Amino acid sequence: MKETKLITIGSIGTAIIASLCCIGPAVLAIIGASGIGLFSAFVKYRPYFIGFTVILLGLAFYFTYRKREIKCEDGSCKIQSAGKWNKITVWLATLIAVGALAFPYFYVQRSTAANQGVSSGAVAVLTIKGMDCKACASGVEGVLASIKGVRRATVDFDKEQAVIEYNPETVSAQTFVDRINETSYEASISQKSKGQ
């Protein structure tokens, strides 16, 4: 039974690691921290972690549902399967793993209003390359919203585009490009208006 518990915990762990490229930026954006680029390194290993998760879940189901022969003290044998709670735990772990693996595809994007007191005198539109999911876009929004002088930042994952309302007397559009490039995504200015 110990092997089933270890395999079950391992499968949840690898599922979370497989989606860390998207879960990490989302968590950092929620708490208002930067450093979303740290998690982009996990993107290229995602298929391997997903495969490892499937293998571990398969082993957990095998060890849970296999029939085992148990020898009793009187010399008789009986066939026994895993208990009810072991089965519930494996199915619960499967749901958690599937949820972690599906997270990048179901993450809801939101618009980030940063400094409501900042008068917006300019709008910059950036092209951003390298985002892998909507959670990445949310992380980039958080980075942009944290820059002094930004009124609102909206990043559209599907269009690979950021629209930033900002005060040009406080910050320049090039600052946005530099900050995004620090996160390991590639940004360039597609359009500037007012005050630039």
Protein backbone atom coordinates (compact mmCIF):
# COMPACT_ATOMS: atom_id res chain seq x y z
CA MET A 1 0.00 0.00 0.00
CA LYS A 2 2.94 2.33 0.59
CA GLU A 3 3.97 2.06 -3.06
CA THR A 4 0.48 3.13 -4.13
CA LYS A 5 0.59 6.21 -1.91
CA LEU A 6 4.06 7.20 -3.14
CA ILE A 7 3.10 6.69 -6.78
CA THR A 8 -0.13 8.65 -6.29
CA ILE A 9 1.71 11.58 -4.69
CA GLY A 10 4.34 11.39 -7.43
CA SER A 11 1.72 11.54 -10.16
CA ILE A 12 0.18 14.69 -8.65
CA GLY A 13 3.63 16.23 -8.30
CA THR A 14 4.62 15.55 -11.91
CA ALA A 15 1.26 16.84 -13.18
CA ILE A 16 1.85 20.10 -11.31
CA ILE A 17 5.41 20.32 -12.62
CA ALA A 18 4.14 19.66 -16.16
CA SER A 19 1.89 22.69 -15.88
CA LEU A 20 4.27 24.83 -13.83
CA CYS A 21 5.00 26.95 -16.90
CA CYS A 22 1.40 28.16 -16.65
CA ILE A 23 0.49 27.67 -13.00
CA GLY A 24 3.62 29.52 -11.79
CA PRO A 25 2.97 32.78 -13.68
CA ALA A 26 -0.70 32.70 -12.68
CA VAL A 27 0.18 32.33 -9.00
CA LEU A 28 2.80 35.08 -9.24
CA ALA A 29 0.34 37.38 -11.01
CA ILE A 30 -2.28 36.77 -8.32
CA ILE A 31 0.14 37.66 -5.52
CA GLY A 32 1.56 40.56 -7.52
CA ALA A 33 5.11 39.25 -7.89
CA SER A 34 7.24 39.25 -10.99
CA GLY A 35 9.64 36.65 -12.33
CA ILE A 36 7.23 34.85 -14.63
CA GLY A 37 10.03 34.02 -17.03
CA LEU A 38 11.47 31.59 -14.50
CA PHE A 39 8.72 29.12 -15.30
CA SER A 40 9.07 29.29 -19.08
CA ALA A 41 11.99 26.84 -18.81
CA PHE A 42 9.47 24.08 -18.00
CA VAL A 43 7.66 24.43 -21.34
CA LYS A 44 10.05 22.26 -23.35
CA TYR A 45 9.84 19.46 -20.77
CA ARG A 46 6.03 19.52 -20.47
CA PRO A 47 5.43 16.49 -22.75
CA TYR A 48 7.88 14.40 -20.69
CA PHE A 49 6.23 15.36 -17.41
CA ILE A 50 2.79 14.60 -18.86
CA GLY A 51 4.01 11.17 -19.97
CA PHE A 52 5.55 10.51 -16.56
CA THR A 53 2.29 11.53 -14.88
CA VAL A 54 0.33 9.07 -17.03
CA ILE A 55 2.81 6.29 -16.23
CA LEU A 56 2.63 6.99 -12.49
CA LEU A 57 -1.17 7.10 -12.53
CA GLY A 58 -1.20 3.82 -14.46
CA LEU A 59 1.03 2.23 -11.83
CA ALA A 60 -1.16 3.62 -9.04
CA PHE A 61 -4.25 2.08 -10.64
CA TYR A 62 -2.43 -1.20 -11.18
CA PHE A 63 -1.28 -1.47 -7.56
CA THR A 64 -4.70 -0.40 -6.29
CA TYR A 65 -6.90 -2.66 -8.40
CA ARG A 66 -4.74 -5.77 -8.77
CA LYS A 67 -5.82 -8.88 -6.91
CA ARG A 68 -3.31 -10.06 -4.34
CA GLU A 69 -3.04 -13.49 -2.84
CA ILE A 70 -2.61 -13.34 0.92
CA LYS A 71 -1.48 -16.36 2.93
CA CYS A 72 -3.14 -16.70 6.26
CA GLU A 73 -1.62 -18.22 9.39
CA ASP A 74 -3.66 -21.39 9.03
CA GLY A 75 -2.13 -22.02 5.58
CA SER A 76 -5.18 -21.04 3.56
CA CYS A 77 -5.03 -18.34 0.94
CA LYS A 78 -7.49 -15.72 -0.09
CA ILE A 79 -7.61 -13.06 -2.80
CA GLN A 80 -7.87 -9.48 -1.66
CA SER A 81 -8.01 -6.14 -3.43
CA ALA A 82 -7.17 -2.67 -2.13
CA GLY A 83 -9.47 -0.98 0.32
CA LYS A 84 -12.13 1.57 -0.45
CA TRP A 85 -10.04 4.53 0.74
CA ASN A 86 -7.09 3.56 -1.45
CA LYS A 87 -9.37 3.52 -4.47
CA ILE A 88 -10.88 6.89 -3.54
CA THR A 89 -7.39 8.35 -3.08
CA VAL A 90 -6.23 7.16 -6.51
CA TRP A 91 -9.31 8.59 -8.22
CA LEU A 92 -8.95 11.87 -6.32
CA ALA A 93 -5.29 12.07 -7.33
CA THR A 94 -6.31 11.45 -10.94
CA LEU A 95 -8.78 14.34 -10.80
CA ILE A 96 -6.15 16.65 -9.31
CA ALA A 97 -3.58 15.59 -11.93
CA VAL A 98 -6.03 16.08 -14.80
CA GLY A 99 -6.98 19.49 -13.39
CA ALA A 100 -3.33 20.53 -13.19
CA LEU A 101 -2.64 19.30 -16.73
CA ALA A 102 -5.74 21.04 -18.11
CA PHE A 103 -5.06 24.32 -16.29
CA PRO A 104 -3.24 25.99 -19.22
CA TYR A 105 -6.24 25.45 -21.48
CA PHE A 106 -8.94 26.73 -19.15
CA TYR A 107 -7.29 29.69 -17.45
CA VAL A 108 -9.49 32.81 -17.63
CA GLN A 109 -7.75 35.99 -18.66
CA ARG A 110 -8.56 39.25 -16.90
CA SER A 111 -7.79 42.88 -17.58
CA THR A 112 -5.40 44.47 -15.12
CA ALA A 113 -6.19 47.96 -13.93
CA ALA A 114 -3.05 49.09 -12.21
CA ASN A 115 -2.96 52.64 -10.96
CA GLN A 116 -6.40 54.17 -11.28
CA GLY A 117 -5.01 57.56 -10.23
CA VAL A 118 -2.63 57.67 -13.22
CA SER A 119 -3.89 59.79 -16.06
CA SER A 120 -3.50 57.92 -19.28
CA GLY A 121 -2.05 60.13 -21.95
CA ALA A 122 -0.76 57.41 -24.27
CA VAL A 123 -1.49 53.92 -25.47
CA ALA A 124 1.16 51.44 -26.57
CA VAL A 125 0.47 48.22 -28.42
CA LEU A 126 3.16 45.56 -28.13
CA THR A 127 3.65 42.30 -29.96
CA ILE A 128 4.70 39.54 -27.55
CA LYS A 129 6.19 36.25 -28.72
CA GLY A 130 6.86 33.15 -26.64
CA MET A 131 3.70 32.92 -24.50
CA ASP A 132 2.47 29.34 -24.28
CA CYS A 133 -0.91 29.75 -22.62
CA LYS A 134 -3.38 32.25 -21.23
CA ALA A 135 -1.75 32.04 -17.82
CA CYS A 136 1.45 33.40 -19.40
CA ALA A 137 -0.56 36.36 -20.69
CA SER A 138 -1.92 36.98 -17.20
CA GLY A 139 1.59 36.94 -15.79
CA VAL A 140 2.75 39.47 -18.38
CA GLU A 141 -0.23 41.66 -17.46
CA GLY A 142 0.87 41.57 -13.85
CA VAL A 143 4.40 42.60 -14.79
CA LEU A 144 3.15 45.49 -16.92
CA ALA A 145 0.64 46.64 -14.30
CA SER A 146 3.39 46.84 -11.69
CA ILE A 147 5.30 49.48 -13.68
CA LYS A 148 4.89 52.99 -12.31
CA GLY A 149 2.86 55.14 -14.68
CA VAL A 150 0.74 52.32 -16.12
CA ARG A 151 -3.00 52.86 -15.84
CA ARG A 152 -4.20 49.63 -17.45
CA ALA A 153 -2.56 46.66 -19.15
CA THR A 154 -4.37 44.03 -21.18
CA VAL A 155 -2.57 41.09 -22.78
CA ASP A 156 -4.34 38.96 -25.39
CA PHE A 157 -2.76 35.53 -25.68
CA ASP A 158 -4.49 34.64 -28.96
CA LYS A 159 -3.37 37.86 -30.70
CA GLU A 160 0.07 37.83 -29.01
CA GLN A 161 -0.53 41.45 -28.16
CA ALA A 162 -0.48 43.81 -25.17
CA VAL A 163 -2.36 47.10 -24.97
CA ILE A 164 -1.03 49.45 -22.29
CA GLU A 165 -2.55 52.75 -21.21
CA TYR A 166 0.11 54.84 -19.50
CA ASN A 167 1.39 58.30 -18.62
CA PRO A 168 4.20 59.16 -21.09
CA GLU A 169 5.64 61.69 -18.64
CA THR A 170 6.33 58.88 -16.15
CA VAL A 171 7.30 55.92 -18.34
CA SER A 172 8.15 55.19 -21.96
CA ALA A 173 6.90 52.40 -24.20
CA GLN A 174 10.45 51.06 -24.46
CA THR A 175 10.34 50.36 -20.71
CA PHE A 176 7.49 47.89 -21.33
CA VAL A 177 9.50 46.12 -24.01
CA ASP A 178 12.53 45.90 -21.73
CA ARG A 179 10.52 44.51 -18.78
CA ILE A 180 8.83 41.86 -20.91
CA ASN A 181 12.13 40.84 -22.51
CA GLU A 182 13.55 40.36 -18.99
CA THR A 183 10.88 37.69 -18.41
CA SER A 184 12.22 35.65 -21.39
CA TYR A 185 9.37 36.58 -23.70
CA GLU A 186 10.09 38.67 -26.80
CA ALA A 187 8.32 42.01 -27.08
CA SER A 188 8.37 44.76 -29.68
CA ILE A 189 6.40 47.97 -30.12
CA SER A 190 3.76 47.66 -32.83
CA GLN A 191 2.00 50.98 -32.25
CA LYS A 192 2.19 54.08 -30.07
CA SER A 193 -0.30 56.91 -29.82
CA LYS A 194 -0.58 60.23 -28.00
CA GLY A 195 2.41 61.85 -26.46
CA GLN A 196 5.06 59.70 -28.14
